[in-house]
Every structure is written in structure tokens, then in C-alpha cells.
Amino acid sequence: MSVSLNAAESKKSRASKPQSLGVAVTLPGRILAIDYGRRRIGIAVSDELRITARPLTILERKNRSELIRKLREMAREYGARQIIVGYPLNLDGTSGEMAEEAARFANRVRKELGIEVELVDERLTSWAAEQAIAETGRRVRRKSSSPRQSHDDFAAAIFLRDYLERNKMNRRVCQPDKD
């Protein structure tokens, strides 16, 4: 009888304790998107599953070291595992002065933060952000005194959303059938 009691106690203790299946679940992690500009830098962030994108903030660009420090803080705060930097190609696909500047900035971010950085085509995202805000009739409150309100964070969210969609489609294409 003692054998059955120990077996029953053993079953009871196993039922009350959560069992680990030995499988570690790792989320892909957040992505920070940077809409790089000479005066302002728009920042957007994804969720941990890399499904959604949302505007986060706009940083005034005053000096490089302060900007890198703020980006490092945001990357830590949000647990970013990747950063994408908008690559402002010309409409014909060629790179101009701003694209080269964005590429240099991306390289510096990669070196300083030690996080994977990728350049992403951002053509027309600032225009798309302005159109989306105008269509919704939404006013965006900013702490800026400039008469023209910036939508750089919305532009970053748009190219981050497009990036997430492209990568989601690539994951679907690359996964083998489960037949």
C-alpha cells in the first residue's frame, strides 16, 4: 500500500506544480524605426511580436553624442533587438545626399549601440503620414513652436509597418508546408 500512496502523492505534487516543457519561447523582440532628418528624427517602435508599429517620439537633432545617448536609452527601455533607418532614395531609386547621410548615420548607430541596423526604403512615407493624418481629420499636438508640424514619427511608423508586413510575407513563403 505504501507504493500506491507514494505514487498518488507523487501524482498530486506533479499536478500542483507547473511543469516546464523544456521549450524556451523567445519573442522576436521590438524594432525601433528611425526617420532620419537634418533637424528632426522621428522614432517609431514595434510590439515584441513584430506585428504592429506605432509612432513614439520626435527628437530634435542638436548634437550627435546626445542623439546616440537618447537612442541607446530608448533601445534599452523598449528592449529593441533591431533598428531600421529610413533610406530616403530618390523617386527613380537612386541615392542622393540625404540617403548617403542616412547610411553614415546607420553605420554610426550600429557601431555605438551594437544592435543590428538595416536601411529601409522610405520613399514617400512623410507624404503618406501627412495624408493619413489629414484624412482622419486628427490634429496632432506637438510641443514645437514651429508653424509646420512634423510627422516624422508617423513616417517612421509607416515604413516600420511596411517592413513588418514584408517580413511577415517572407516568413510565410519560407515556411515548409505541414502536410
Protein backbone atom coordinates (compact mmCIF):
# COMPACT_ATOMS: atom_id res chain seq x y z
CA MET A 1 0.00 0.00 0.00
CA SER A 2 2.80 2.40 0.64
CA VAL A 3 3.76 2.17 -3.01
CA SER A 4 0.35 3.34 -4.16
CA LEU A 5 0.31 6.16 -1.61
CA ASN A 6 3.68 7.43 -2.77
CA ALA A 7 2.54 7.19 -6.37
CA ALA A 8 -0.64 9.10 -5.51
CA GLU A 9 1.34 11.74 -3.61
CA SER A 10 3.77 11.97 -6.47
CA LYS A 11 0.93 12.49 -8.97
CA LYS A 12 -0.65 15.08 -6.68
CA SER A 13 2.59 17.04 -6.29
CA ARG A 14 3.20 16.96 -10.06
CA ALA A 15 -0.32 18.24 -10.71
CA SER A 16 0.04 21.18 -8.34
CA LYS A 17 3.45 22.30 -9.67
CA PRO A 18 3.70 23.88 -13.09
CA GLN A 19 5.72 21.65 -15.38
CA SER A 20 8.24 23.04 -17.82
CA LEU A 21 8.07 21.51 -21.24
CA GLY A 22 11.74 22.27 -21.76
CA VAL A 23 10.94 24.61 -24.64
CA ALA A 24 12.18 28.16 -24.37
CA VAL A 25 9.92 30.63 -26.12
CA THR A 26 11.84 33.61 -27.42
CA LEU A 27 9.93 36.53 -28.82
CA PRO A 28 11.46 38.21 -31.87
CA GLY A 29 11.80 41.48 -29.94
CA ARG A 30 10.97 45.06 -30.75
CA ILE A 31 12.27 47.08 -33.66
CA LEU A 32 12.98 50.80 -33.43
CA ALA A 33 12.45 52.71 -36.67
CA ILE A 34 14.28 55.97 -37.28
CA ASP A 35 13.16 58.57 -39.82
CA TYR A 36 16.45 60.44 -40.10
CA GLY A 37 16.50 64.14 -40.87
CA ARG A 38 18.88 67.03 -40.53
CA ARG A 39 16.77 68.82 -37.91
CA ARG A 40 14.45 66.16 -36.51
CA ILE A 41 14.45 62.40 -36.14
CA GLY A 42 11.16 60.53 -35.95
CA ILE A 43 11.07 57.36 -33.88
CA ALA A 44 8.56 54.51 -34.04
CA VAL A 45 8.52 51.14 -32.28
CA SER A 46 7.05 47.72 -32.99
CA ASP A 47 5.48 45.37 -30.49
CA GLU A 48 7.52 42.37 -29.26
CA LEU A 49 5.91 40.03 -31.78
CA ARG A 50 6.70 42.43 -34.62
CA ILE A 51 3.09 42.70 -35.72
CA THR A 52 2.25 46.35 -35.09
CA ALA A 53 4.06 49.67 -35.37
CA ARG A 54 3.32 52.90 -33.55
CA PRO A 55 4.80 56.40 -33.56
CA LEU A 56 6.88 57.02 -30.45
CA THR A 57 8.52 60.45 -30.44
CA ILE A 58 10.40 63.09 -32.38
CA LEU A 59 13.92 64.01 -31.33
CA GLU A 60 15.38 67.40 -32.14
CA ARG A 61 18.82 66.88 -33.58
CA LYS A 62 21.26 69.11 -31.72
CA ASN A 63 24.45 67.12 -31.29
CA ARG A 64 25.35 63.58 -32.30
CA SER A 65 26.51 62.25 -28.94
CA GLU A 66 23.30 63.37 -27.23
CA LEU A 67 21.24 61.79 -30.00
CA ILE A 68 23.12 58.49 -29.72
CA ARG A 69 22.66 58.57 -25.93
CA LYS A 70 18.89 59.03 -26.30
CA LEU A 71 18.69 56.24 -28.89
CA ARG A 72 20.64 53.94 -26.57
CA GLU A 73 18.22 54.73 -23.73
CA MET A 74 15.19 54.02 -25.96
CA ALA A 75 16.69 50.78 -27.25
CA ARG A 76 17.23 49.62 -23.66
CA GLU A 77 13.84 50.82 -22.44
CA TYR A 78 11.95 49.04 -25.21
CA GLY A 79 14.27 46.05 -25.47
CA ALA A 80 14.95 46.69 -29.15
CA ARG A 81 16.78 43.89 -30.90
CA GLN A 82 16.93 45.66 -34.24
CA ILE A 83 16.89 49.20 -35.60
CA ILE A 84 15.78 50.21 -39.06
CA VAL A 85 16.79 53.56 -40.51
CA GLY A 86 14.81 55.15 -43.31
CA TYR A 87 16.81 55.29 -46.52
CA PRO A 88 15.48 58.29 -48.48
CA LEU A 89 16.03 57.20 -52.07
CA ASN A 90 15.04 59.47 -54.91
CA LEU A 91 11.84 58.57 -56.74
CA ASP A 92 13.90 56.99 -59.54
CA GLY A 93 15.63 54.70 -56.99
CA THR A 94 18.98 56.45 -56.94
CA SER A 95 20.61 57.56 -53.72
CA GLY A 96 21.23 61.23 -53.14
CA GLU A 97 22.93 63.29 -50.47
CA MET A 98 20.34 62.54 -47.75
CA ALA A 99 20.48 58.80 -48.46
CA GLU A 100 24.26 58.85 -48.05
CA GLU A 101 23.90 60.84 -44.83
CA ALA A 102 21.32 58.34 -43.51
CA ALA A 103 23.67 55.44 -44.37
CA ARG A 104 26.53 57.08 -42.44
CA PHE A 105 24.18 57.66 -39.51
CA ALA A 106 23.04 54.00 -39.61
CA ASN A 107 26.67 52.84 -39.52
CA ARG A 108 27.36 55.04 -36.51
CA VAL A 109 24.27 53.72 -34.69
CA ARG A 110 25.39 50.14 -35.43
CA LYS A 111 28.88 50.81 -34.03
CA GLU A 112 27.73 52.77 -30.97
CA LEU A 113 24.77 50.63 -29.91
CA GLY A 114 25.92 47.20 -31.05
CA ILE A 115 22.45 46.38 -32.38
CA GLU A 116 21.61 45.11 -35.86
CA VAL A 117 20.81 48.12 -38.08
CA GLU A 118 19.20 47.91 -41.50
CA LEU A 119 18.48 50.61 -44.08
CA VAL A 120 14.89 50.56 -45.36
CA ASP A 121 13.45 52.39 -48.36
CA GLU A 122 11.30 55.22 -47.05
CA ARG A 123 10.23 56.93 -50.26
CA LEU A 124 7.03 58.95 -49.83
CA THR A 125 6.48 57.99 -46.18
CA SER A 126 6.46 61.61 -44.98
CA TRP A 127 3.85 62.40 -47.64
CA ALA A 128 1.85 59.28 -46.67
CA ALA A 129 1.97 60.30 -43.00
CA GLU A 130 0.65 63.78 -43.81
CA GLN A 131 -2.10 62.30 -45.99
CA ALA A 132 -3.16 59.77 -43.34
CA ILE A 133 -3.36 62.46 -40.67
CA ALA A 134 -5.28 64.80 -43.00
CA GLU A 135 -7.75 62.04 -43.96
CA THR A 136 -8.55 61.21 -40.35
CA GLY A 137 -9.00 64.88 -39.54
CA ARG A 138 -6.88 64.32 -36.47
CA ARG A 139 -4.87 67.13 -35.03
CA VAL A 140 -1.50 66.16 -33.70
CA ARG A 141 -0.36 68.01 -30.61
CA ARG A 142 3.31 68.83 -30.56
CA LYS A 143 5.49 70.74 -28.14
CA SER A 144 7.04 72.52 -31.10
CA SER A 145 6.73 76.21 -31.73
CA SER A 146 7.23 75.76 -35.47
CA PRO A 147 4.18 76.55 -37.59
CA ARG A 148 4.64 73.41 -39.69
CA GLN A 149 4.01 70.38 -37.52
CA SER A 150 6.33 67.46 -38.01
CA HIS A 151 5.02 64.00 -38.79
CA ASP A 152 8.41 62.29 -38.71
CA ASP A 153 7.34 59.77 -36.05
CA PHE A 154 4.29 58.85 -38.14
CA ALA A 155 6.51 58.46 -41.21
CA ALA A 156 8.78 56.13 -39.20
CA ALA A 157 5.72 54.11 -38.14
CA ILE A 158 4.63 53.81 -41.78
CA PHE A 159 7.92 52.42 -43.06
CA LEU A 160 8.18 50.19 -39.97
CA ARG A 161 4.69 48.84 -40.68
CA ASP A 162 5.65 48.19 -44.31
CA TYR A 163 8.87 46.47 -43.18
CA LEU A 164 6.95 44.24 -40.76
CA GLU A 165 4.45 43.31 -43.48
CA ARG A 166 7.22 42.43 -45.96
CA ASN A 167 8.98 40.28 -43.38
CA LYS A 168 5.72 38.58 -42.40
CA MET A 169 5.15 37.67 -46.04
CA ASN A 170 8.74 36.39 -46.33
CA ARG A 171 8.26 34.17 -43.24
CA ARG A 172 5.09 32.70 -44.77
CA VAL A 173 6.84 31.98 -48.06
CA CYS A 174 9.86 30.38 -46.38
CA GLN A 175 7.92 28.09 -44.03
CA PRO A 176 7.54 24.48 -45.24
CA ASP A 177 4.07 23.01 -45.62
CA LYS A 178 2.83 20.97 -42.67
CA ASP A 179 1.27 18.17 -44.73
